[in-house]
Amino acid sequence: MESVWNLGIAWNIILQSLGGWLKTPMEVFSFFGNEYFFLLLLPGLYWCIEASIGVRVGIILLLSTSVNDAFKLAFHGPRPYWFSQDVIGYASETSFGVPSGHAQIAAGVWGMLAASMRKWWGWLFAILVILMVGISRLYLGVHFPHDVILGWLLGAFLLWLVLRFWDPVVTWLKKMSLGQQILAAFLTSLVLILFSLIPFLWLKFTNWQPPEAWADFAKDAVSLSGTFTAAGTFFGLLTGLTWFNRQGGFSTNGPVWKRILRFCLGAVGILVFYLGLQQLFGLIAPDTEALLPYILRYIRYVLVGAWVSAGAPWLFVKLRLAKQAA
């Protein structure tokens, strides 16, 4: 693999030779592929624009994050600035490099937004953003070209899967009872964990150690924290959605001031669950790479996901910031 890494390093150096003035613009483009950007976008779409689009974006985001975590552990490859001192690390990353999560998530989520818009200019804009997100990761020194390309391919494949099977799966789920739907969501979240658990256990049982040259950078890379985060959010999001739809759901229509107030109120709730439970669970078990902290992390993000899909919308309806769906 070193020959592939050395070839990739040449592309990183070429881009970085364009000058340090590109650092800020590239950081902006990189943010458009960051999962935290989409975690802001998802509630905004679901609460304020169109709930169905928000759900699709949430599903593709969480599936892509889970699959990316699994592949990162399976390939356990370095990042350019870990591997070569000739590359400047304009960003700091603790996870393995391949495939690029930013490239993969950008391809899936921006592609889903474009597919939802059904406009040619939407696809053009999405493709430009996806390309620039990938290029930004090369410039920032955190990914090799093959990391980005594989990320794009995985993101596009997951996008195709979700678009292709969305309607059949929804039709199948509607035939189930509430309990069966919740069970299906829970089992799917366990499958997402299993995808990463297999390579994680393999690395642990074989006592894999990174090469000395980049060992310090990779000391926290063998982790399941991101996987439990995505799986818990996935289960909570779908469970809340299933329950609240049976209560009548809600409409995102309304004046702009109500939509803004919804977002602000809902965001406060996310922070309460995220930070409050982080502190509470931290008293029970420190957030380390162990079973109990993983379980507590899963529970915390189940509640965050359920708040987004059900708790906040229920509150909006009660406060007359939104109406039940017609």
Protein backbone atom coordinates (compact mmCIF):
# COMPACT_ATOMS: atom_id res chain seq x y z
CA MET A 1 0.00 0.00 0.00
CA GLU A 2 2.93 2.36 0.51
CA SER A 3 3.27 2.86 -3.25
CA VAL A 4 -0.38 3.96 -3.39
CA TRP A 5 0.12 6.27 -0.42
CA ASN A 6 3.25 7.79 -1.96
CA LEU A 7 1.39 8.43 -5.20
CA GLY A 8 -1.42 10.08 -3.29
CA ILE A 9 1.01 12.25 -1.32
CA ALA A 10 2.11 13.83 -4.62
CA TRP A 11 -1.45 15.09 -5.20
CA ASN A 12 -1.69 16.47 -1.67
CA ILE A 13 1.57 18.36 -2.16
CA ILE A 14 0.47 19.75 -5.54
CA LEU A 15 -2.75 21.14 -4.05
CA GLN A 16 -1.05 22.53 -0.97
CA SER A 17 1.58 24.21 -3.15
CA LEU A 18 -1.19 26.54 -4.39
CA GLY A 19 -0.75 28.46 -1.16
CA GLY A 20 -1.95 28.84 2.41
CA TRP A 21 -4.56 31.41 1.36
CA LEU A 22 -6.79 28.51 0.32
CA LYS A 23 -6.99 27.12 3.85
CA THR A 24 -10.10 29.05 4.90
CA PRO A 25 -12.09 28.48 1.68
CA MET A 26 -11.24 24.78 1.80
CA GLU A 27 -12.31 24.57 5.44
CA VAL A 28 -15.66 26.05 4.41
CA PHE A 29 -16.13 23.47 1.66
CA SER A 30 -15.05 20.74 4.06
CA PHE A 31 -17.73 21.84 6.54
CA PHE A 32 -20.39 21.17 3.87
CA GLY A 33 -19.46 17.50 4.13
CA ASN A 34 -19.19 17.46 7.90
CA GLU A 35 -21.71 15.32 9.80
CA TYR A 36 -22.17 18.17 12.30
CA PHE A 37 -23.34 20.45 9.47
CA PHE A 38 -25.91 17.85 8.46
CA LEU A 39 -26.96 17.33 12.07
CA LEU A 40 -27.94 21.00 12.01
CA LEU A 41 -29.51 20.69 8.58
CA LEU A 42 -31.58 17.60 9.45
CA PRO A 43 -33.67 19.18 12.25
CA GLY A 44 -34.06 22.34 10.18
CA LEU A 45 -35.49 20.37 7.28
CA TYR A 46 -37.64 18.12 9.46
CA TRP A 47 -39.08 20.83 11.70
CA CYS A 48 -39.25 23.81 9.37
CA ILE A 49 -39.20 22.88 5.66
CA GLU A 50 -40.50 19.41 4.77
CA ALA A 51 -40.58 16.53 7.24
CA SER A 52 -40.38 13.80 4.57
CA ILE A 53 -37.17 15.28 3.16
CA GLY A 54 -35.74 15.57 6.66
CA VAL A 55 -36.41 11.88 7.30
CA ARG A 56 -34.70 10.82 4.07
CA VAL A 57 -31.70 13.01 4.80
CA GLY A 58 -31.53 11.57 8.31
CA ILE A 59 -31.61 7.98 7.08
CA ILE A 60 -28.93 8.45 4.42
CA LEU A 61 -26.76 10.43 6.86
CA LEU A 62 -26.89 7.81 9.61
CA LEU A 63 -26.50 4.84 7.27
CA SER A 64 -23.54 6.50 5.58
CA THR A 65 -21.90 7.35 8.89
CA SER A 66 -22.26 3.76 10.12
CA VAL A 67 -20.93 2.21 6.92
CA ASN A 68 -18.04 4.66 6.85
CA ASP A 69 -17.04 3.77 10.41
CA ALA A 70 -17.04 0.07 9.51
CA PHE A 71 -14.89 0.56 6.41
CA LYS A 72 -12.46 2.79 8.29
CA LEU A 73 -11.86 0.03 10.83
CA ALA A 74 -11.66 -2.64 8.12
CA PHE A 75 -9.03 -0.77 6.07
CA HIS A 76 -7.35 1.03 9.06
CA GLY A 77 -5.34 3.23 6.71
CA PRO A 78 -3.39 6.39 7.63
CA ARG A 79 -4.05 9.98 6.69
CA PRO A 80 -1.51 11.83 4.51
CA TYR A 81 -0.15 14.03 7.28
CA TRP A 82 0.24 10.92 9.46
CA PHE A 83 2.24 9.20 6.75
CA SER A 84 4.44 12.00 5.41
CA GLN A 85 5.93 15.09 7.00
CA ASP A 86 5.85 16.73 3.56
CA VAL A 87 2.08 17.13 3.92
CA ILE A 88 0.68 19.84 6.18
CA GLY A 89 -2.21 18.73 8.36
CA TYR A 90 -4.48 21.76 8.15
CA ALA A 91 -7.08 19.76 10.08
CA SER A 92 -6.65 17.25 12.88
CA GLU A 93 -8.38 13.87 12.70
CA THR A 94 -8.21 10.92 15.10
CA SER A 95 -10.00 8.27 13.00
CA PHE A 96 -8.52 6.20 10.19
CA GLY A 97 -8.47 7.74 6.73
CA VAL A 98 -10.05 5.43 4.20
CA PRO A 99 -12.73 5.97 3.01
CA SER A 100 -13.32 9.70 3.38
CA GLY A 101 -16.37 10.25 5.57
CA HIS A 102 -16.80 13.81 4.31
CA ALA A 103 -16.80 12.68 0.67
CA GLN A 104 -19.13 9.75 1.38
CA ILE A 105 -21.63 11.71 3.46
CA ALA A 106 -21.58 14.63 1.01
CA ALA A 107 -22.34 12.31 -1.92
CA GLY A 108 -25.23 10.69 -0.07
CA VAL A 109 -26.83 13.72 1.56
CA TRP A 110 -26.35 16.33 -1.16
CA GLY A 111 -27.43 13.69 -3.67
CA MET A 112 -30.57 13.04 -1.60
CA LEU A 113 -31.34 16.76 -1.47
CA ALA A 114 -30.93 17.02 -5.24
CA ALA A 115 -33.12 13.95 -5.80
CA SER A 116 -35.80 15.47 -3.56
CA MET A 117 -35.73 18.77 -5.46
CA ARG A 118 -36.01 17.08 -8.88
CA LYS A 119 -34.40 20.07 -10.61
CA TRP A 120 -31.43 19.89 -12.99
CA TRP A 121 -29.79 22.85 -11.29
CA GLY A 122 -30.17 21.08 -7.95
CA TRP A 123 -28.09 18.18 -9.26
CA LEU A 124 -25.54 20.59 -10.75
CA PHE A 125 -25.17 22.40 -7.43
CA ALA A 126 -24.96 19.12 -5.50
CA ILE A 127 -22.26 17.70 -7.79
CA LEU A 128 -20.18 20.88 -7.49
CA VAL A 129 -20.42 20.79 -3.69
CA ILE A 130 -19.57 17.07 -3.59
CA LEU A 131 -16.51 17.63 -5.81
CA MET A 132 -15.29 20.58 -3.75
CA VAL A 133 -15.77 18.72 -0.48
CA GLY A 134 -13.50 15.95 -1.81
CA ILE A 135 -10.88 18.37 -3.11
CA SER A 136 -10.91 20.26 0.17
CA ARG A 137 -10.05 17.07 2.06
CA LEU A 138 -7.03 16.54 -0.20
CA TYR A 139 -5.84 20.12 0.25
CA LEU A 140 -6.27 19.98 4.04
CA GLY A 141 -3.95 16.96 4.07
CA VAL A 142 -6.38 14.59 5.77
CA HIS A 143 -7.14 12.25 2.86
CA PHE A 144 -5.45 10.53 -0.04
CA PRO A 145 -7.18 10.62 -3.46
CA HIS A 146 -8.23 6.97 -3.14
CA ASP A 147 -9.88 7.78 0.23
CA VAL A 148 -12.03 10.42 -1.46
CA ILE A 149 -12.87 8.33 -4.52
CA LEU A 150 -13.95 5.36 -2.40
CA GLY A 151 -16.01 7.70 -0.23
CA TRP A 152 -17.80 9.09 -3.29
CA LEU A 153 -18.51 5.60 -4.59
CA LEU A 154 -19.88 4.35 -1.27
CA GLY A 155 -22.00 7.48 -0.85
CA ALA A 156 -23.43 7.15 -4.35
CA PHE A 157 -24.16 3.45 -3.81
CA LEU A 158 -25.99 4.08 -0.53
CA LEU A 159 -27.93 6.89 -2.17
CA TRP A 160 -29.02 4.52 -4.93
CA LEU A 161 -30.04 1.88 -2.38
CA VAL A 162 -32.15 4.29 -0.35
CA LEU A 163 -33.85 5.79 -3.42
CA ARG A 164 -34.43 2.38 -4.98
CA PHE A 165 -35.89 0.64 -1.94
CA TRP A 166 -37.49 3.52 -0.03
CA ASP A 167 -41.07 3.01 -1.26
CA PRO A 168 -41.08 -0.82 -1.00
CA VAL A 169 -39.64 -0.70 2.53
CA VAL A 170 -42.12 1.98 3.66
CA THR A 171 -45.01 -0.07 2.22
CA TRP A 172 -43.73 -3.17 4.06
CA LEU A 173 -43.36 -1.28 7.35
CA LYS A 174 -46.88 0.17 7.15
CA LYS A 175 -48.27 -3.36 7.30
CA MET A 176 -46.63 -3.87 10.72
CA SER A 177 -47.89 -2.99 14.16
CA LEU A 178 -46.22 -0.24 16.19
CA GLY A 179 -44.28 -2.79 18.20
CA GLN A 180 -43.09 -4.61 15.10
CA GLN A 181 -41.92 -1.37 13.50
CA ILE A 182 -39.97 -0.41 16.61
CA LEU A 183 -38.43 -3.88 16.78
CA ALA A 184 -37.40 -3.64 13.11
CA ALA A 185 -35.73 -0.28 13.78
CA PHE A 186 -33.92 -1.69 16.83
CA LEU A 187 -32.66 -4.77 14.99
CA THR A 188 -31.45 -2.61 12.10
CA SER A 189 -29.51 -0.45 14.54
CA LEU A 190 -27.86 -3.60 15.92
CA VAL A 191 -26.89 -4.62 12.39
CA LEU A 192 -25.24 -1.21 11.92
CA ILE A 193 -23.23 -1.82 15.09
CA LEU A 194 -22.33 -5.34 13.92
CA PHE A 195 -20.81 -3.96 10.70
CA SER A 196 -18.20 -2.09 12.74
CA LEU A 197 -17.95 -4.61 15.58
CA ILE A 198 -16.50 -7.30 13.31
CA PRO A 199 -13.41 -5.35 12.14
CA PHE A 200 -13.12 -3.76 15.62
CA LEU A 201 -12.86 -7.17 17.31
CA TRP A 202 -10.48 -8.42 14.63
CA LEU A 203 -8.11 -5.52 15.31
CA LYS A 204 -8.36 -6.13 19.05
CA PHE A 205 -7.93 -9.91 18.96
CA THR A 206 -5.01 -9.78 16.53
CA ASN A 207 -3.41 -7.05 18.65
CA TRP A 208 -2.95 -4.89 15.57
CA GLN A 209 -0.52 -2.03 16.04
CA PRO A 210 -0.04 0.90 13.66
CA PRO A 211 3.40 1.54 12.17
CA GLU A 212 5.63 3.50 14.50
CA ALA A 213 5.71 6.50 12.12
CA TRP A 214 2.02 7.24 12.66
CA ALA A 215 1.25 5.37 15.86
CA ASP A 216 0.73 8.55 17.91
CA PHE A 217 -1.90 9.81 15.46
CA ALA A 218 -3.82 6.51 15.46
CA LYS A 219 -3.92 5.89 19.22
CA ASP A 220 -7.67 6.67 19.40
CA ALA A 221 -8.62 5.36 15.95
CA VAL A 222 -9.79 1.89 16.98
CA SER A 223 -13.14 2.96 18.42
CA LEU A 224 -16.85 2.18 18.23
CA SER A 225 -18.02 5.52 19.64
CA GLY A 226 -19.14 6.89 16.27
CA THR A 227 -20.90 3.65 15.44
CA PHE A 228 -22.95 3.63 18.66
CA THR A 229 -23.75 7.31 18.12
CA ALA A 230 -25.14 6.73 14.63
CA ALA A 231 -26.96 3.50 15.54
CA GLY A 232 -28.59 5.04 18.61
CA THR A 233 -29.68 8.12 16.69
CA PHE A 234 -31.04 5.90 13.91
CA PHE A 235 -33.16 3.85 16.35
CA GLY A 236 -34.39 6.92 18.21
CA LEU A 237 -35.24 8.81 15.02
CA LEU A 238 -37.27 5.94 13.55
CA THR A 239 -38.96 5.02 16.84
CA GLY A 240 -40.04 8.59 17.43
CA LEU A 241 -41.22 8.95 13.85
CA THR A 242 -43.24 5.72 14.05
CA TRP A 243 -44.95 6.74 17.29
CA PHE A 244 -45.63 10.37 16.36
CA ASN A 245 -47.05 9.53 12.94
CA ARG A 246 -49.65 7.38 14.73
CA GLN A 247 -50.53 10.43 16.83
CA GLY A 248 -51.30 12.39 13.68
CA GLY A 249 -47.90 13.80 12.80
CA PHE A 250 -47.43 17.50 12.17
CA SER A 251 -47.25 20.04 9.36
CA THR A 252 -44.17 22.15 8.72
CA ASN A 253 -46.33 24.91 7.22
CA GLY A 254 -46.62 28.22 9.02
CA PRO A 255 -45.20 31.75 9.12
CA VAL A 256 -41.44 32.25 9.13
CA TRP A 257 -41.35 33.39 12.77
CA LYS A 258 -42.94 30.13 13.88
CA ARG A 259 -40.47 28.08 11.87
CA ILE A 260 -37.54 29.99 13.37
CA LEU A 261 -38.97 29.57 16.87
CA ARG A 262 -39.43 25.84 16.26
CA PHE A 263 -35.80 25.46 15.28
CA CYS A 264 -34.51 27.46 18.26
CA LEU A 265 -36.73 25.61 20.74
CA GLY A 266 -35.89 22.23 19.24
CA ALA A 267 -32.16 23.00 19.24
CA VAL A 268 -32.33 23.85 22.95
CA GLY A 269 -33.89 20.44 23.55
CA ILE A 270 -31.09 18.73 21.64
CA LEU A 271 -28.50 20.49 23.77
CA VAL A 272 -30.32 19.52 26.96
CA PHE A 273 -30.36 15.85 25.99
CA TYR A 274 -26.85 15.89 24.52
CA LEU A 275 -25.02 17.84 27.22
CA GLY A 276 -27.25 16.94 30.17
CA LEU A 277 -27.10 13.22 29.58
CA GLN A 278 -23.40 13.44 28.77
CA GLN A 279 -22.77 14.86 32.23
CA LEU A 280 -25.18 12.44 33.95
CA PHE A 281 -23.87 9.34 32.22
CA GLY A 282 -20.31 10.54 32.78
CA LEU A 283 -20.94 10.19 36.51
CA ILE A 284 -22.05 6.57 35.98
CA ALA A 285 -19.21 5.59 33.65
CA PRO A 286 -16.50 7.75 32.02
CA ASP A 287 -16.82 7.99 28.23
CA THR A 288 -14.17 5.42 27.38
CA GLU A 289 -13.90 2.56 24.89
CA ALA A 290 -15.76 0.03 27.09
CA LEU A 291 -19.13 -1.74 26.98
CA LEU A 292 -21.04 0.31 29.58
CA PRO A 293 -20.04 3.71 28.14
CA TYR A 294 -21.01 2.41 24.69
CA ILE A 295 -24.44 1.37 25.97
CA LEU A 296 -24.95 4.73 27.68
CA ARG A 297 -23.86 6.53 24.52
CA TYR A 298 -26.40 4.49 22.54
CA ILE A 299 -29.18 5.41 25.00
CA ARG A 300 -28.22 9.09 24.93
CA TYR A 301 -28.43 9.26 21.17
CA VAL A 302 -31.66 7.24 21.08
CA LEU A 303 -33.18 10.05 23.13
CA VAL A 304 -31.64 12.72 20.91
CA GLY A 305 -33.04 11.04 17.80
CA ALA A 306 -36.48 10.57 19.38
CA TRP A 307 -36.52 14.23 20.44
CA VAL A 308 -35.86 15.32 16.85
CA SER A 309 -38.53 13.12 15.27
CA ALA A 310 -41.21 13.13 18.00
CA GLY A 311 -40.47 15.05 21.18
CA ALA A 312 -39.90 18.44 19.61
CA PRO A 313 -42.76 18.16 17.05
CA TRP A 314 -45.14 17.07 19.85
CA LEU A 315 -44.12 20.17 21.79
CA PHE A 316 -44.56 22.37 18.72
CA VAL A 317 -48.13 21.16 18.33
CA LYS A 318 -48.90 21.66 22.03
CA LEU A 319 -47.50 25.22 21.91
CA ARG A 320 -49.39 25.91 18.66
CA LEU A 321 -46.19 26.51 16.77
CA ALA A 322 -47.29 23.77 14.35
CA LYS A 323 -50.50 22.00 13.43
CA GLN A 324 -51.15 18.32 13.14
CA ALA A 325 -50.88 17.00 9.61
CA ALA A 326 -54.14 17.17 7.69
